[in-house]
Amino acid sequence: MRKRYLENCIKGVLNQTYNNFEYIIVDNASTDNTPIIIEEYRKKDSRIRVYRNKKTVCMEDNLNLCANYC
C-alpha cells in the first residue's frame, strides 16, 4: 500500500473527536513497508492494536480475523 494512503487512513481514525476507542489494525502479510509504518503509529498511540497475518488470506477471512480481535 502506498505510504501516503496508509498514513492518511491511520491519521483519519486517530483525529476523530471521540477518543474512547481501540483501533485494531490487521496487516494481511504485507510485503511492503506497511508493518513499519503501522508500528511507528502504534508506538505513539496506545489505542492502536496491531495483528499481522503470517500469510495472506482472502478478504473475507481477514475481515473475520479482524472481527474476532474485536
C-alpha atoms as a PDB file:
ATOM      1  CA  MET A   1       0.000   0.000   0.000  1.00  0.00           C
ATOM      2  CA  ARG A   2       1.260   3.448  -0.721  1.00  0.00           C
ATOM      3  CA  LYS A   3       2.609   5.106   2.393  1.00  0.00           C
ATOM      4  CA  ARG A   4       0.568   8.255   1.904  1.00  0.00           C
ATOM      5  CA  TYR A   5      -2.759   6.380   1.777  1.00  0.00           C
ATOM      6  CA  LEU A   6      -1.984   4.239   4.800  1.00  0.00           C
ATOM      7  CA  GLU A   7      -0.850   7.225   6.845  1.00  0.00           C
ATOM      8  CA  ASN A   8      -3.921   9.237   5.825  1.00  0.00           C
ATOM      9  CA  CYS A   9      -6.144   6.336   6.871  1.00  0.00           C
ATOM     10  CA  ILE A  10      -4.481   5.968  10.270  1.00  0.00           C
ATOM     11  CA  LYS A  11      -4.447   9.718  10.902  1.00  0.00           C
ATOM     12  CA  GLY A  12      -8.105   9.954   9.898  1.00  0.00           C
ATOM     13  CA  VAL A  13      -9.079   7.483  12.601  1.00  0.00           C
ATOM     14  CA  LEU A  14      -6.808   8.977  15.255  1.00  0.00           C
ATOM     15  CA  ASN A  15      -8.028  12.523  14.591  1.00  0.00           C
ATOM     16  CA  GLN A  16     -11.653  11.733  15.440  1.00  0.00           C
ATOM     17  CA  THR A  17     -13.180  13.867  18.187  1.00  0.00           C
ATOM     18  CA  TYR A  18     -14.348  10.746  20.042  1.00  0.00           C
ATOM     19  CA  ASN A  19     -11.296   9.339  21.802  1.00  0.00           C
ATOM     20  CA  ASN A  20     -12.566   6.326  23.742  1.00  0.00           C
ATOM     21  CA  PHE A  21     -11.846   3.573  21.233  1.00  0.00           C
ATOM     22  CA  GLU A  22      -9.425   0.788  20.414  1.00  0.00           C
ATOM     23  CA  TYR A  23      -8.015   0.901  16.875  1.00  0.00           C
ATOM     24  CA  ILE A  24      -7.430  -2.618  15.583  1.00  0.00           C
ATOM     25  CA  ILE A  25      -5.256  -2.982  12.508  1.00  0.00           C
ATOM     26  CA  VAL A  26      -4.847  -6.362  10.833  1.00  0.00           C
ATOM     27  CA  ASP A  27      -1.934  -6.469   8.399  1.00  0.00           C
ATOM     28  CA  ASN A  28      -2.663  -9.159   5.846  1.00  0.00           C
ATOM     29  CA  ALA A  29       1.002 -10.216   5.477  1.00  0.00           C
ATOM     30  CA  SER A  30       2.044  -7.084   3.601  1.00  0.00           C
ATOM     31  CA  THR A  31       5.322  -7.282   1.717  1.00  0.00           C
ATOM     32  CA  ASP A  32       5.978  -3.545   1.535  1.00  0.00           C
ATOM     33  CA  ASN A  33       6.693  -1.025   4.318  1.00  0.00           C
ATOM     34  CA  THR A  34       3.213  -1.343   5.812  1.00  0.00           C
ATOM     35  CA  PRO A  35       4.351  -3.098   9.025  1.00  0.00           C
ATOM     36  CA  ILE A  36       6.982  -0.428   9.657  1.00  0.00           C
ATOM     37  CA  ILE A  37       4.515   2.416   9.140  1.00  0.00           C
ATOM     38  CA  ILE A  38       1.897   0.796  11.362  1.00  0.00           C
ATOM     39  CA  GLU A  39       4.464   0.170  14.098  1.00  0.00           C
ATOM     40  CA  GLU A  40       5.510   3.837  14.086  1.00  0.00           C
ATOM     41  CA  TYR A  41       1.937   4.872  14.843  1.00  0.00           C
ATOM     42  CA  ARG A  42       1.389   2.055  17.364  1.00  0.00           C
ATOM     43  CA  LYS A  43       4.353   3.281  19.394  1.00  0.00           C
ATOM     44  CA  LYS A  44       2.828   6.768  19.512  1.00  0.00           C
ATOM     45  CA  ASP A  45      -0.744   5.829  20.414  1.00  0.00           C
ATOM     46  CA  SER A  46      -1.759   3.205  22.975  1.00  0.00           C
ATOM     47  CA  ARG A  47      -5.225   2.832  21.406  1.00  0.00           C
ATOM     48  CA  ILE A  48      -3.702   1.023  18.424  1.00  0.00           C
ATOM     49  CA  ARG A  49      -3.575  -2.785  18.469  1.00  0.00           C
ATOM     50  CA  VAL A  50      -1.765  -4.465  15.596  1.00  0.00           C
ATOM     51  CA  TYR A  51      -2.103  -8.035  14.380  1.00  0.00           C
ATOM     52  CA  ARG A  52      -0.196  -9.467  11.427  1.00  0.00           C
ATOM     53  CA  ASN A  53      -1.222 -12.496   9.443  1.00  0.00           C
ATOM     54  CA  LYS A  54       1.612 -14.965   8.850  1.00  0.00           C
ATOM     55  CA  LYS A  55       0.335 -15.477   5.322  1.00  0.00           C
ATOM     56  CA  THR A  56      -2.029 -13.580   3.056  1.00  0.00           C
ATOM     57  CA  VAL A  57      -5.643 -14.669   3.391  1.00  0.00           C
ATOM     58  CA  CYS A  58      -8.701 -13.750   1.341  1.00  0.00           C
ATOM     59  CA  MET A  59     -10.541 -10.561   2.219  1.00  0.00           C
ATOM     60  CA  GLU A  60     -13.434 -12.386   3.900  1.00  0.00           C
ATOM     61  CA  ASP A  61     -11.088 -14.368   6.145  1.00  0.00           C
ATOM     62  CA  ASN A  62      -9.134 -11.228   7.004  1.00  0.00           C
ATOM     63  CA  LEU A  63     -12.335  -9.408   7.957  1.00  0.00           C
ATOM     64  CA  ASN A  64     -13.357 -12.375  10.112  1.00  0.00           C
ATOM     65  CA  LEU A  65      -9.986 -12.306  11.858  1.00  0.00           C
ATOM     66  CA  CYS A  66     -10.415  -8.606  12.493  1.00  0.00           C
ATOM     67  CA  ALA A  67     -13.896  -9.178  13.928  1.00  0.00           C
ATOM     68  CA  ASN A  68     -12.511 -11.879  16.212  1.00  0.00           C
ATOM     69  CA  TYR A  69      -9.852  -9.498  17.530  1.00  0.00           C
ATOM     70  CA  CYS A  70     -12.595  -7.003  18.319  1.00  0.00           C
END
